[in-house]
């Protein structure tokens, strides 16, 4: 090493004598995936708790009477016709049956709301609601059927529904298709990625 190089090196070390090395806990973490996931799960849990504490959103007003022997149907925009046809023909496996027989309107309202929310949380896609035809119900025929027709349209989890086939209760029952739970979407995405 030449005299000039040694002077340069000495000068460098003299300038650097106050500099301290960075310790491991001085690192700046710009993104911590575990913390981000934990925060997202915490927010989702809080949203579920808030929703559960809110009153049942199904309304008792503005219900239009539906005759006992009339089809009821609903299809959210964007739902493919093939999917709706499969529902209408009763070709989806029915993973849950909700029977409103012998229940008051208020009890039916509570049961329907709780069962659909719980079914959606469990990843259920298709279910059947047995409301009966209500041919002799008061104040008008088809009372529960009319309310079910009204309530199902108010639930964001419901993407389609249709009067059941005769083998499943015909005019006295309704097939309901629920949107995929976000967790189910992740599972399906992982399956498709691996497949």
N, C-alpha and C. Protein backbone atom coordinates (compact mmCIF):
# COMPACT_ATOMS: atom_id res chain seq x y z
N UNK A 1 0.86 -1.17 0.00
CA UNK A 1 0.00 0.00 0.00
C UNK A 1 0.91 1.23 0.00
N UNK A 2 0.60 2.15 -0.86
CA UNK A 2 1.44 3.35 -0.97
C UNK A 2 1.13 4.31 0.17
N UNK A 3 2.02 5.28 0.32
CA UNK A 3 1.86 6.29 1.36
C UNK A 3 0.57 7.07 1.15
N UNK A 4 0.28 7.37 -0.12
CA UNK A 4 -0.93 8.13 -0.46
C UNK A 4 -2.20 7.33 -0.10
N UNK A 5 -2.20 6.03 -0.41
CA UNK A 5 -3.36 5.19 -0.11
C UNK A 5 -3.57 5.07 1.40
N UNK A 6 -2.44 4.99 2.17
CA UNK A 6 -2.54 4.89 3.63
C UNK A 6 -3.13 6.18 4.20
N UNK A 7 -2.73 7.33 3.68
CA UNK A 7 -3.27 8.62 4.15
C UNK A 7 -4.78 8.70 3.85
N UNK A 8 -5.18 8.22 2.67
CA UNK A 8 -6.59 8.21 2.30
C UNK A 8 -7.40 7.34 3.28
N UNK A 9 -6.85 6.17 3.58
CA UNK A 9 -7.51 5.25 4.49
C UNK A 9 -7.60 5.83 5.90
N UNK A 10 -6.52 6.43 6.38
CA UNK A 10 -6.53 7.07 7.70
C UNK A 10 -7.54 8.21 7.74
N UNK A 11 -7.59 8.98 6.68
CA UNK A 11 -8.53 10.09 6.59
C UNK A 11 -9.98 9.57 6.61
N UNK A 12 -10.20 8.49 5.90
CA UNK A 12 -11.55 7.90 5.86
C UNK A 12 -11.98 7.45 7.25
N UNK A 13 -11.07 6.72 7.95
CA UNK A 13 -11.41 6.23 9.30
C UNK A 13 -11.60 7.38 10.28
N UNK A 14 -10.86 8.46 10.11
CA UNK A 14 -11.01 9.63 10.98
C UNK A 14 -12.41 10.23 10.80
N UNK A 15 -12.83 10.31 9.55
CA UNK A 15 -14.17 10.86 9.27
C UNK A 15 -15.28 9.96 9.80
N UNK A 16 -15.04 8.67 9.81
CA UNK A 16 -16.08 7.69 10.15
C UNK A 16 -16.10 7.32 11.63
N UNK A 17 -15.24 7.92 12.46
CA UNK A 17 -15.14 7.46 13.85
C UNK A 17 -16.42 7.68 14.66
N UNK A 18 -17.28 8.67 14.31
CA UNK A 18 -18.53 8.90 15.04
C UNK A 18 -19.71 8.07 14.49
N UNK A 19 -19.46 7.40 13.38
CA UNK A 19 -20.53 6.62 12.76
C UNK A 19 -20.67 5.28 13.48
N UNK A 20 -21.95 4.95 13.80
CA UNK A 20 -22.22 3.68 14.49
C UNK A 20 -22.94 2.74 13.52
N UNK A 21 -22.64 1.46 13.62
CA UNK A 21 -23.33 0.52 12.73
C UNK A 21 -24.82 0.42 13.10
N UNK A 22 -25.62 0.12 12.10
CA UNK A 22 -27.07 -0.04 12.32
C UNK A 22 -27.29 -1.36 13.04
N UNK A 23 -28.09 -1.31 14.12
CA UNK A 23 -28.42 -2.54 14.82
C UNK A 23 -29.67 -3.14 14.18
N UNK A 24 -29.92 -4.42 14.47
CA UNK A 24 -31.03 -5.12 13.80
C UNK A 24 -32.39 -4.51 14.10
N UNK A 25 -32.58 -3.91 15.27
CA UNK A 25 -33.89 -3.33 15.59
C UNK A 25 -34.06 -1.91 15.05
N UNK A 26 -33.07 -1.41 14.32
CA UNK A 26 -33.19 -0.09 13.69
C UNK A 26 -33.73 -0.19 12.26
N UNK A 27 -34.04 -1.40 11.82
CA UNK A 27 -34.51 -1.58 10.45
C UNK A 27 -35.90 -0.97 10.30
N UNK A 28 -36.11 -0.37 9.16
CA UNK A 28 -37.42 0.21 8.86
C UNK A 28 -38.23 -0.82 8.09
N UNK A 29 -39.31 -1.33 8.72
CA UNK A 29 -40.18 -2.28 8.04
C UNK A 29 -41.29 -1.49 7.35
N UNK A 30 -41.24 -1.50 6.04
CA UNK A 30 -42.24 -0.75 5.29
C UNK A 30 -43.55 -1.53 5.18
N UNK A 31 -43.48 -2.87 5.18
CA UNK A 31 -44.69 -3.67 5.08
C UNK A 31 -44.49 -4.97 5.84
N UNK A 32 -45.34 -5.19 6.81
CA UNK A 32 -45.28 -6.43 7.58
C UNK A 32 -46.55 -7.22 7.25
N UNK A 33 -46.43 -8.28 6.41
CA UNK A 33 -47.62 -9.02 5.98
C UNK A 33 -48.41 -9.63 7.15
N UNK A 34 -47.71 -10.11 8.17
CA UNK A 34 -48.42 -10.72 9.31
C UNK A 34 -49.25 -9.68 10.06
N UNK A 35 -48.68 -8.51 10.25
CA UNK A 35 -49.42 -7.44 10.95
C UNK A 35 -50.60 -6.97 10.10
N UNK A 36 -50.40 -6.88 8.79
CA UNK A 36 -51.48 -6.44 7.89
C UNK A 36 -52.63 -7.45 7.92
N UNK A 37 -52.31 -8.74 7.90
CA UNK A 37 -53.33 -9.77 7.94
C UNK A 37 -54.08 -9.75 9.28
N UNK A 38 -53.33 -9.60 10.37
CA UNK A 38 -53.96 -9.54 11.70
C UNK A 38 -54.91 -8.35 11.80
N UNK A 39 -54.50 -7.22 11.25
CA UNK A 39 -55.34 -6.01 11.28
C UNK A 39 -56.60 -6.21 10.44
N UNK A 40 -56.45 -6.85 9.28
CA UNK A 40 -57.60 -7.10 8.41
C UNK A 40 -58.59 -8.03 9.09
N UNK A 41 -58.09 -9.09 9.75
CA UNK A 41 -58.97 -10.03 10.45
C UNK A 41 -59.67 -9.34 11.62
N UNK A 42 -58.97 -8.45 12.30
CA UNK A 42 -59.56 -7.72 13.43
C UNK A 42 -60.71 -6.83 12.93
N UNK A 43 -60.49 -6.13 11.81
CA UNK A 43 -61.54 -5.27 11.25
C UNK A 43 -62.75 -6.09 10.81
N UNK A 44 -62.50 -7.25 10.18
CA UNK A 44 -63.60 -8.11 9.73
C UNK A 44 -64.42 -8.61 10.92
N UNK A 45 -63.74 -8.99 11.98
CA UNK A 45 -64.41 -9.47 13.19
C UNK A 45 -65.27 -8.37 13.80
N UNK A 46 -64.74 -7.15 13.82
CA UNK A 46 -65.49 -6.02 14.37
C UNK A 46 -66.74 -5.74 13.53
N UNK A 47 -66.60 -5.85 12.19
CA UNK A 47 -67.75 -5.60 11.31
C UNK A 47 -68.85 -6.64 11.56
N UNK A 48 -68.46 -7.90 11.76
CA UNK A 48 -69.43 -8.95 12.03
C UNK A 48 -70.14 -8.67 13.36
N UNK A 49 -69.37 -8.25 14.37
CA UNK A 49 -69.97 -7.96 15.67
C UNK A 49 -70.95 -6.80 15.57
N UNK A 50 -70.59 -5.76 14.81
CA UNK A 50 -71.48 -4.61 14.64
C UNK A 50 -72.76 -5.06 13.94
N UNK A 51 -72.60 -5.85 12.90
CA UNK A 51 -73.78 -6.32 12.16
C UNK A 51 -74.68 -7.17 13.04
N UNK A 52 -74.07 -8.03 13.87
CA UNK A 52 -74.87 -8.89 14.75
C UNK A 52 -75.63 -8.09 15.80
N UNK A 53 -75.08 -6.96 16.22
CA UNK A 53 -75.76 -6.16 17.23
C UNK A 53 -76.85 -5.28 16.62
N UNK A 54 -76.77 -5.05 15.32
CA UNK A 54 -77.82 -4.26 14.67
C UNK A 54 -79.10 -5.07 14.64
N UNK A 55 -80.20 -4.37 14.57
CA UNK A 55 -81.48 -5.05 14.49
C UNK A 55 -81.61 -5.73 13.12
N UNK A 56 -82.45 -6.71 13.08
CA UNK A 56 -82.75 -7.43 11.85
C UNK A 56 -83.19 -6.41 10.78
N UNK A 57 -82.54 -6.38 9.61
CA UNK A 57 -82.87 -5.37 8.60
C UNK A 57 -84.13 -5.69 7.77
N UNK A 58 -84.71 -6.86 7.96
CA UNK A 58 -85.87 -7.23 7.15
C UNK A 58 -87.09 -6.43 7.57
N UNK A 59 -87.68 -5.74 6.60
CA UNK A 59 -88.78 -4.83 6.92
C UNK A 59 -90.14 -5.53 6.87
N UNK A 60 -91.05 -4.99 7.61
CA UNK A 60 -92.41 -5.52 7.67
C UNK A 60 -93.36 -4.66 6.82
N UNK A 61 -92.87 -3.56 6.27
CA UNK A 61 -93.72 -2.64 5.50
C UNK A 61 -93.48 -2.81 3.99
N UNK A 62 -94.48 -2.40 3.24
CA UNK A 62 -94.36 -2.35 1.78
C UNK A 62 -94.41 -3.71 1.09
N UNK A 63 -94.99 -4.70 1.73
CA UNK A 63 -95.05 -6.04 1.16
C UNK A 63 -96.23 -6.14 0.19
N UNK A 64 -95.93 -6.56 -1.03
CA UNK A 64 -96.99 -6.72 -2.03
C UNK A 64 -97.48 -8.16 -1.98
N UNK A 65 -98.81 -8.36 -1.87
CA UNK A 65 -99.35 -9.73 -1.82
C UNK A 65 -99.02 -10.52 -3.09
N UNK A 66 -98.61 -11.77 -2.89
CA UNK A 66 -98.34 -12.70 -3.99
C UNK A 66 -99.36 -13.83 -3.86
N UNK A 67 -100.13 -14.10 -4.90
CA UNK A 67 -101.10 -15.20 -4.84
C UNK A 67 -100.41 -16.54 -4.52
N UNK A 68 -101.10 -17.43 -3.77
CA UNK A 68 -100.50 -18.70 -3.37
C UNK A 68 -99.99 -19.55 -4.53
N UNK A 69 -100.62 -19.45 -5.71
CA UNK A 69 -100.24 -20.28 -6.85
C UNK A 69 -99.44 -19.51 -7.90
N UNK A 70 -98.69 -18.51 -7.45
CA UNK A 70 -97.87 -17.72 -8.39
C UNK A 70 -96.38 -17.97 -8.11
N UNK A 71 -95.60 -18.00 -9.20
CA UNK A 71 -94.15 -18.14 -9.06
C UNK A 71 -93.55 -16.86 -8.48
N UNK A 72 -92.55 -17.01 -7.63
CA UNK A 72 -91.76 -15.86 -7.20
C UNK A 72 -90.33 -16.11 -7.68
N UNK A 73 -89.70 -15.05 -8.12
CA UNK A 73 -88.34 -15.19 -8.63
C UNK A 73 -87.60 -13.87 -8.56
N UNK A 74 -86.28 -13.97 -8.49
CA UNK A 74 -85.41 -12.80 -8.41
C UNK A 74 -84.02 -13.22 -8.87
N UNK A 75 -83.38 -12.34 -9.62
CA UNK A 75 -82.04 -12.61 -10.12
C UNK A 75 -81.28 -11.29 -10.11
N UNK A 76 -80.22 -11.23 -9.30
CA UNK A 76 -79.41 -10.00 -9.27
C UNK A 76 -78.78 -9.76 -10.63
N UNK A 77 -78.59 -8.49 -11.02
CA UNK A 77 -77.89 -8.22 -12.28
C UNK A 77 -76.50 -8.85 -12.25
N UNK A 78 -76.11 -9.44 -13.35
CA UNK A 78 -74.78 -10.06 -13.42
C UNK A 78 -74.80 -11.56 -13.16
N UNK A 79 -75.92 -12.08 -12.64
CA UNK A 79 -76.02 -13.53 -12.42
C UNK A 79 -76.32 -14.17 -13.77
N UNK A 80 -75.48 -15.12 -14.15
CA UNK A 80 -75.62 -15.76 -15.46
C UNK A 80 -76.94 -16.50 -15.57
N UNK A 81 -77.52 -16.49 -16.77
CA UNK A 81 -78.79 -17.16 -17.00
C UNK A 81 -78.68 -18.66 -16.74
N UNK A 82 -77.54 -19.26 -17.06
CA UNK A 82 -77.34 -20.69 -16.81
C UNK A 82 -77.38 -21.02 -15.33
N UNK A 83 -76.81 -20.14 -14.51
CA UNK A 83 -76.82 -20.32 -13.05
C UNK A 83 -78.26 -20.22 -12.54
N UNK A 84 -79.00 -19.24 -13.05
CA UNK A 84 -80.38 -19.04 -12.62
C UNK A 84 -81.26 -20.22 -13.06
N UNK A 85 -81.02 -20.72 -14.27
CA UNK A 85 -81.79 -21.86 -14.77
C UNK A 85 -81.54 -23.10 -13.90
N UNK A 86 -80.28 -23.31 -13.53
CA UNK A 86 -79.93 -24.45 -12.68
C UNK A 86 -80.65 -24.34 -11.33
N UNK A 87 -80.73 -23.13 -10.79
CA UNK A 87 -81.45 -22.89 -9.53
C UNK A 87 -82.95 -23.18 -9.73
N UNK A 88 -83.52 -22.62 -10.78
CA UNK A 88 -84.96 -22.76 -11.07
C UNK A 88 -85.36 -24.22 -11.23
N UNK A 89 -84.48 -25.02 -11.81
CA UNK A 89 -84.77 -26.45 -12.03
C UNK A 89 -84.45 -27.32 -10.82
N UNK A 90 -83.96 -26.70 -9.74
CA UNK A 90 -83.66 -27.44 -8.52
C UNK A 90 -82.45 -28.34 -8.64
N UNK A 91 -81.48 -27.94 -9.43
CA UNK A 91 -80.30 -28.79 -9.69
C UNK A 91 -79.13 -28.52 -8.75
N UNK A 92 -79.24 -27.49 -7.92
CA UNK A 92 -78.18 -27.24 -6.92
C UNK A 92 -78.44 -28.14 -5.71
N UNK A 93 -77.38 -28.69 -5.11
CA UNK A 93 -77.60 -29.45 -3.86
C UNK A 93 -78.09 -28.50 -2.77
N UNK A 94 -79.20 -28.85 -2.14
CA UNK A 94 -79.78 -27.99 -1.10
C UNK A 94 -79.11 -28.33 0.23
N UNK A 95 -78.28 -27.42 0.71
CA UNK A 95 -77.46 -27.67 1.89
C UNK A 95 -78.16 -27.27 3.19
N UNK A 96 -79.30 -26.60 3.08
CA UNK A 96 -80.01 -26.12 4.27
C UNK A 96 -81.49 -25.99 3.93
N UNK A 97 -82.34 -26.37 4.88
CA UNK A 97 -83.78 -26.18 4.72
C UNK A 97 -84.27 -25.33 5.89
N UNK A 98 -84.97 -24.25 5.57
CA UNK A 98 -85.51 -23.36 6.59
C UNK A 98 -87.03 -23.49 6.52
N UNK A 99 -87.62 -24.04 7.58
CA UNK A 99 -89.07 -24.23 7.61
C UNK A 99 -89.72 -23.15 8.46
N UNK A 100 -90.67 -22.45 7.86
CA UNK A 100 -91.40 -21.39 8.57
C UNK A 100 -92.78 -21.87 9.03
N UNK A 101 -93.03 -23.16 8.90
CA UNK A 101 -94.33 -23.74 9.28
C UNK A 101 -94.59 -23.52 10.77
N UNK A 102 -95.79 -23.06 11.08
CA UNK A 102 -96.20 -22.86 12.47
C UNK A 102 -95.58 -21.65 13.14
N UNK A 103 -94.86 -20.84 12.40
CA UNK A 103 -94.20 -19.64 12.97
C UNK A 103 -95.04 -18.40 12.67
N UNK A 104 -95.00 -17.43 13.58
CA UNK A 104 -95.64 -16.15 13.32
C UNK A 104 -94.80 -15.41 12.29
N UNK A 105 -95.31 -14.31 11.78
CA UNK A 105 -94.52 -13.51 10.82
C UNK A 105 -93.23 -13.01 11.46
N UNK A 106 -93.32 -12.55 12.71
CA UNK A 106 -92.14 -12.04 13.41
C UNK A 106 -91.11 -13.15 13.62
N UNK A 107 -91.57 -14.33 14.03
CA UNK A 107 -90.66 -15.48 14.21
C UNK A 107 -90.05 -15.90 12.88
N UNK A 108 -90.86 -15.88 11.83
CA UNK A 108 -90.37 -16.23 10.49
C UNK A 108 -89.29 -15.26 10.04
N UNK A 109 -89.52 -14.00 10.31
CA UNK A 109 -88.56 -12.94 9.94
C UNK A 109 -87.21 -13.18 10.63
N UNK A 110 -87.26 -13.45 11.94
CA UNK A 110 -86.03 -13.68 12.72
C UNK A 110 -85.31 -14.95 12.24
N UNK A 111 -86.07 -16.03 12.07
CA UNK A 111 -85.48 -17.30 11.67
C UNK A 111 -84.84 -17.20 10.28
N UNK A 112 -85.54 -16.60 9.35
CA UNK A 112 -85.02 -16.47 7.98
C UNK A 112 -83.72 -15.68 7.97
N UNK A 113 -83.71 -14.56 8.68
CA UNK A 113 -82.51 -13.71 8.72
C UNK A 113 -81.33 -14.47 9.33
N UNK A 114 -81.55 -15.08 10.49
CA UNK A 114 -80.46 -15.80 11.18
C UNK A 114 -79.94 -16.97 10.35
N UNK A 115 -80.85 -17.74 9.76
CA UNK A 115 -80.43 -18.92 9.00
C UNK A 115 -79.66 -18.53 7.74
N UNK A 116 -80.08 -17.49 7.06
CA UNK A 116 -79.38 -17.08 5.84
C UNK A 116 -78.00 -16.52 6.18
N UNK A 117 -77.91 -15.71 7.22
CA UNK A 117 -76.60 -15.17 7.63
C UNK A 117 -75.67 -16.30 8.08
N UNK A 118 -76.18 -17.23 8.88
CA UNK A 118 -75.37 -18.35 9.37
C UNK A 118 -74.96 -19.26 8.22
N UNK A 119 -75.89 -19.51 7.30
CA UNK A 119 -75.58 -20.34 6.14
C UNK A 119 -74.49 -19.72 5.28
N UNK A 120 -74.59 -18.43 5.06
CA UNK A 120 -73.57 -17.72 4.27
C UNK A 120 -72.21 -17.81 4.96
N UNK A 121 -72.18 -17.64 6.27
CA UNK A 121 -70.92 -17.73 7.03
C UNK A 121 -70.30 -19.12 6.91
N UNK A 122 -71.15 -20.15 6.81
CA UNK A 122 -70.65 -21.53 6.69
C UNK A 122 -70.29 -21.89 5.26
N UNK A 123 -70.52 -20.99 4.32
CA UNK A 123 -70.16 -21.25 2.93
C UNK A 123 -71.25 -21.97 2.14
N UNK A 124 -72.48 -22.00 2.67
CA UNK A 124 -73.59 -22.64 1.96
C UNK A 124 -73.95 -21.78 0.75
N UNK A 125 -74.20 -22.46 -0.38
CA UNK A 125 -74.56 -21.74 -1.61
C UNK A 125 -76.05 -21.82 -1.92
N UNK A 126 -76.67 -23.01 -1.71
CA UNK A 126 -78.08 -23.17 -2.07
C UNK A 126 -78.86 -23.74 -0.89
N UNK A 127 -80.07 -23.17 -0.70
CA UNK A 127 -80.94 -23.64 0.38
C UNK A 127 -82.38 -23.53 -0.08
N UNK A 128 -83.26 -24.07 0.75
CA UNK A 128 -84.69 -23.99 0.43
C UNK A 128 -85.42 -23.40 1.63
N UNK A 129 -86.36 -22.51 1.35
CA UNK A 129 -87.21 -21.93 2.39
C UNK A 129 -88.61 -22.50 2.18
N UNK A 130 -89.11 -23.17 3.22
CA UNK A 130 -90.46 -23.76 3.15
C UNK A 130 -91.42 -22.84 3.89
N UNK A 131 -92.21 -22.10 3.11
CA UNK A 131 -93.12 -21.10 3.69
C UNK A 131 -94.58 -21.50 3.57
N UNK A 132 -94.88 -22.52 2.76
CA UNK A 132 -96.26 -22.92 2.54
C UNK A 132 -96.94 -21.99 1.53
N UNK A 133 -98.09 -22.41 1.04
CA UNK A 133 -98.81 -21.56 0.07
C UNK A 133 -99.67 -20.54 0.79
N UNK A 134 -100.15 -20.87 1.98
CA UNK A 134 -100.95 -19.92 2.76
C UNK A 134 -102.27 -19.57 2.09
N UNK A 135 -102.93 -20.57 1.52
CA UNK A 135 -104.18 -20.30 0.80
C UNK A 135 -105.26 -19.69 1.68
N UNK A 136 -105.25 -20.03 2.98
CA UNK A 136 -106.27 -19.52 3.89
C UNK A 136 -105.72 -18.50 4.88
N UNK A 137 -104.52 -17.98 4.63
CA UNK A 137 -103.92 -17.04 5.59
C UNK A 137 -104.62 -15.68 5.57
N UNK A 138 -104.53 -14.99 6.69
CA UNK A 138 -105.15 -13.66 6.85
C UNK A 138 -104.05 -12.66 7.15
N UNK A 139 -104.11 -11.43 6.73
CA UNK A 139 -105.23 -10.73 6.09
C UNK A 139 -105.36 -11.00 4.59
N UNK A 140 -104.41 -11.73 3.97
CA UNK A 140 -104.57 -12.08 2.56
C UNK A 140 -103.92 -13.43 2.30
N UNK A 141 -104.40 -14.16 1.27
CA UNK A 141 -103.80 -15.46 0.94
C UNK A 141 -102.33 -15.29 0.53
N UNK A 142 -101.51 -16.30 0.85
CA UNK A 142 -100.09 -16.26 0.49
C UNK A 142 -99.30 -15.28 1.34
N UNK A 143 -99.70 -15.09 2.59
CA UNK A 143 -99.07 -14.07 3.46
C UNK A 143 -97.57 -14.31 3.64
N UNK A 144 -97.18 -15.48 4.16
CA UNK A 144 -95.74 -15.75 4.41
C UNK A 144 -94.95 -15.76 3.10
N UNK A 145 -95.54 -16.34 2.08
CA UNK A 145 -94.88 -16.38 0.77
C UNK A 145 -94.59 -14.96 0.29
N UNK A 146 -95.55 -14.07 0.48
CA UNK A 146 -95.38 -12.67 0.08
C UNK A 146 -94.25 -12.00 0.86
N UNK A 147 -94.19 -12.27 2.17
CA UNK A 147 -93.13 -11.71 3.00
C UNK A 147 -91.76 -12.29 2.63
N UNK A 148 -91.71 -13.59 2.37
CA UNK A 148 -90.44 -14.22 1.97
C UNK A 148 -89.95 -13.58 0.67
N UNK A 149 -90.86 -13.39 -0.28
CA UNK A 149 -90.53 -12.74 -1.55
C UNK A 149 -89.94 -11.35 -1.30
N UNK A 150 -90.51 -10.64 -0.35
CA UNK A 150 -90.06 -9.28 0.00
C UNK A 150 -88.71 -9.33 0.74
N UNK A 151 -88.60 -10.19 1.74
CA UNK A 151 -87.40 -10.23 2.58
C UNK A 151 -86.16 -10.70 1.83
N UNK A 152 -86.30 -11.72 0.99
CA UNK A 152 -85.13 -12.25 0.29
C UNK A 152 -84.47 -11.19 -0.59
N UNK A 153 -85.26 -10.26 -1.12
CA UNK A 153 -84.72 -9.18 -1.95
C UNK A 153 -83.92 -8.17 -1.11
N UNK A 154 -84.17 -8.15 0.20
CA UNK A 154 -83.50 -7.19 1.08
C UNK A 154 -82.15 -7.70 1.60
N UNK A 155 -81.87 -8.97 1.42
CA UNK A 155 -80.64 -9.55 1.97
C UNK A 155 -79.52 -9.52 0.94
N UNK A 156 -78.41 -8.89 1.30
CA UNK A 156 -77.29 -8.78 0.35
C UNK A 156 -76.66 -10.12 0.04
N UNK A 157 -76.83 -11.11 0.93
CA UNK A 157 -76.26 -12.45 0.70
C UNK A 157 -77.00 -13.21 -0.40
N UNK A 158 -78.26 -12.83 -0.65
CA UNK A 158 -79.10 -13.53 -1.62
C UNK A 158 -78.87 -12.95 -3.01
N UNK A 159 -78.43 -13.82 -3.95
CA UNK A 159 -78.19 -13.34 -5.32
C UNK A 159 -79.29 -13.80 -6.28
N UNK A 160 -80.06 -14.81 -5.87
CA UNK A 160 -81.17 -15.27 -6.72
C UNK A 160 -82.10 -16.15 -5.89
N UNK A 161 -83.37 -16.20 -6.32
CA UNK A 161 -84.31 -17.17 -5.74
C UNK A 161 -85.39 -17.48 -6.75
N UNK A 162 -86.03 -18.63 -6.56
CA UNK A 162 -87.10 -19.05 -7.47
C UNK A 162 -88.00 -20.05 -6.76
N UNK A 163 -89.28 -20.03 -7.10
CA UNK A 163 -90.23 -21.02 -6.58
C UNK A 163 -89.68 -22.42 -6.86
N UNK A 164 -89.84 -23.30 -5.88
CA UNK A 164 -89.29 -24.66 -5.96
C UNK A 164 -90.05 -25.53 -6.96
N UNK A 165 -89.39 -26.60 -7.38
CA UNK A 165 -90.01 -27.63 -8.22
C UNK A 165 -91.02 -28.41 -7.35
N UNK A 166 -92.03 -29.04 -7.98
CA UNK A 166 -93.04 -29.79 -7.22
C UNK A 166 -92.45 -30.81 -6.24
N UNK A 167 -91.36 -31.47 -6.63
CA UNK A 167 -90.75 -32.49 -5.75
C UNK A 167 -90.20 -31.89 -4.46
N UNK A 168 -89.95 -30.57 -4.44
CA UNK A 168 -89.41 -29.89 -3.25
C UNK A 168 -90.42 -28.98 -2.57
N UNK A 169 -91.68 -29.05 -2.97
CA UNK A 169 -92.69 -28.24 -2.30
C UNK A 169 -93.42 -27.27 -3.21
N UNK A 170 -93.00 -27.17 -4.45
CA UNK A 170 -93.69 -26.32 -5.43
C UNK A 170 -93.92 -24.90 -4.95
N UNK A 171 -95.16 -24.43 -5.07
CA UNK A 171 -95.50 -23.04 -4.71
C UNK A 171 -95.32 -22.74 -3.22
N UNK A 172 -95.18 -23.77 -2.41
CA UNK A 172 -95.02 -23.58 -0.96
C UNK A 172 -93.57 -23.50 -0.50
N UNK A 173 -92.63 -23.47 -1.45
CA UNK A 173 -91.21 -23.42 -1.09
C UNK A 173 -90.44 -22.61 -2.13
N UNK A 174 -89.28 -22.12 -1.72
CA UNK A 174 -88.46 -21.29 -2.60
C UNK A 174 -86.99 -21.69 -2.50
N UNK A 175 -86.37 -21.90 -3.66
CA UNK A 175 -84.93 -22.12 -3.71
C UNK A 175 -84.23 -20.78 -3.56
N UNK A 176 -83.13 -20.76 -2.80
CA UNK A 176 -82.38 -19.52 -2.59
C UNK A 176 -80.91 -19.79 -2.89
N UNK A 177 -80.30 -18.92 -3.69
CA UNK A 177 -78.88 -19.02 -4.00
C UNK A 177 -78.15 -17.86 -3.30
N UNK A 178 -77.14 -18.22 -2.51
CA UNK A 178 -76.38 -17.22 -1.78
C UNK A 178 -75.06 -16.93 -2.49
N UNK A 179 -74.58 -15.71 -2.31
CA UNK A 179 -73.28 -15.38 -2.89
C UNK A 179 -72.19 -16.14 -2.15
N UNK A 180 -71.06 -16.32 -2.82
CA UNK A 180 -69.96 -17.03 -2.19
C UNK A 180 -69.41 -16.20 -1.04
N UNK A 181 -69.11 -16.88 0.05
CA UNK A 181 -68.47 -16.23 1.19
C UNK A 181 -67.05 -15.89 0.77
N UNK A 182 -66.50 -14.71 1.18
CA UNK A 182 -65.13 -14.33 0.78
C UNK A 182 -64.11 -15.43 1.09
N UNK A 183 -64.28 -16.14 2.19
CA UNK A 183 -63.34 -17.22 2.53
C UNK A 183 -63.40 -18.34 1.49
N UNK A 184 -64.62 -18.63 0.99
CA UNK A 184 -64.78 -19.67 -0.02
C UNK A 184 -64.11 -19.25 -1.33
N UNK A 185 -64.18 -17.95 -1.64
CA UNK A 185 -63.52 -17.45 -2.85
C UNK A 185 -62.01 -17.70 -2.77
N UNK A 186 -61.42 -17.47 -1.59
CA UNK A 186 -59.98 -17.70 -1.41
C UNK A 186 -59.65 -19.18 -1.57
N UNK A 187 -60.47 -20.05 -0.99
CA UNK A 187 -60.25 -21.50 -1.10
C UNK A 187 -60.30 -21.93 -2.56
N UNK A 188 -61.31 -21.45 -3.29
CA UNK A 188 -61.45 -21.80 -4.71
C UNK A 188 -60.28 -21.29 -5.53
N UNK A 189 -59.83 -20.07 -5.22
CA UNK A 189 -58.68 -19.49 -5.93
C UNK A 189 -57.44 -20.35 -5.74
N UNK A 190 -57.24 -20.82 -4.50
CA UNK A 190 -56.08 -21.67 -4.19
C UNK A 190 -56.18 -23.00 -4.94
N UNK A 191 -57.40 -23.60 -4.96
CA UNK A 191 -57.60 -24.87 -5.67
C UNK A 191 -57.27 -24.71 -7.16
N UNK A 192 -57.76 -23.61 -7.76
CA UNK A 192 -57.53 -23.37 -9.18
C UNK A 192 -56.08 -23.12 -9.49
N UNK A 193 -55.39 -22.48 -8.57
CA UNK A 193 -53.98 -22.18 -8.77
C UNK A 193 -53.15 -23.47 -8.76
N UNK A 194 -53.51 -24.39 -7.85
CA UNK A 194 -52.77 -25.65 -7.73
C UNK A 194 -53.12 -26.62 -8.84
N UNK A 195 -54.36 -26.53 -9.35
CA UNK A 195 -54.86 -27.50 -10.32
C UNK A 195 -54.35 -27.32 -11.69
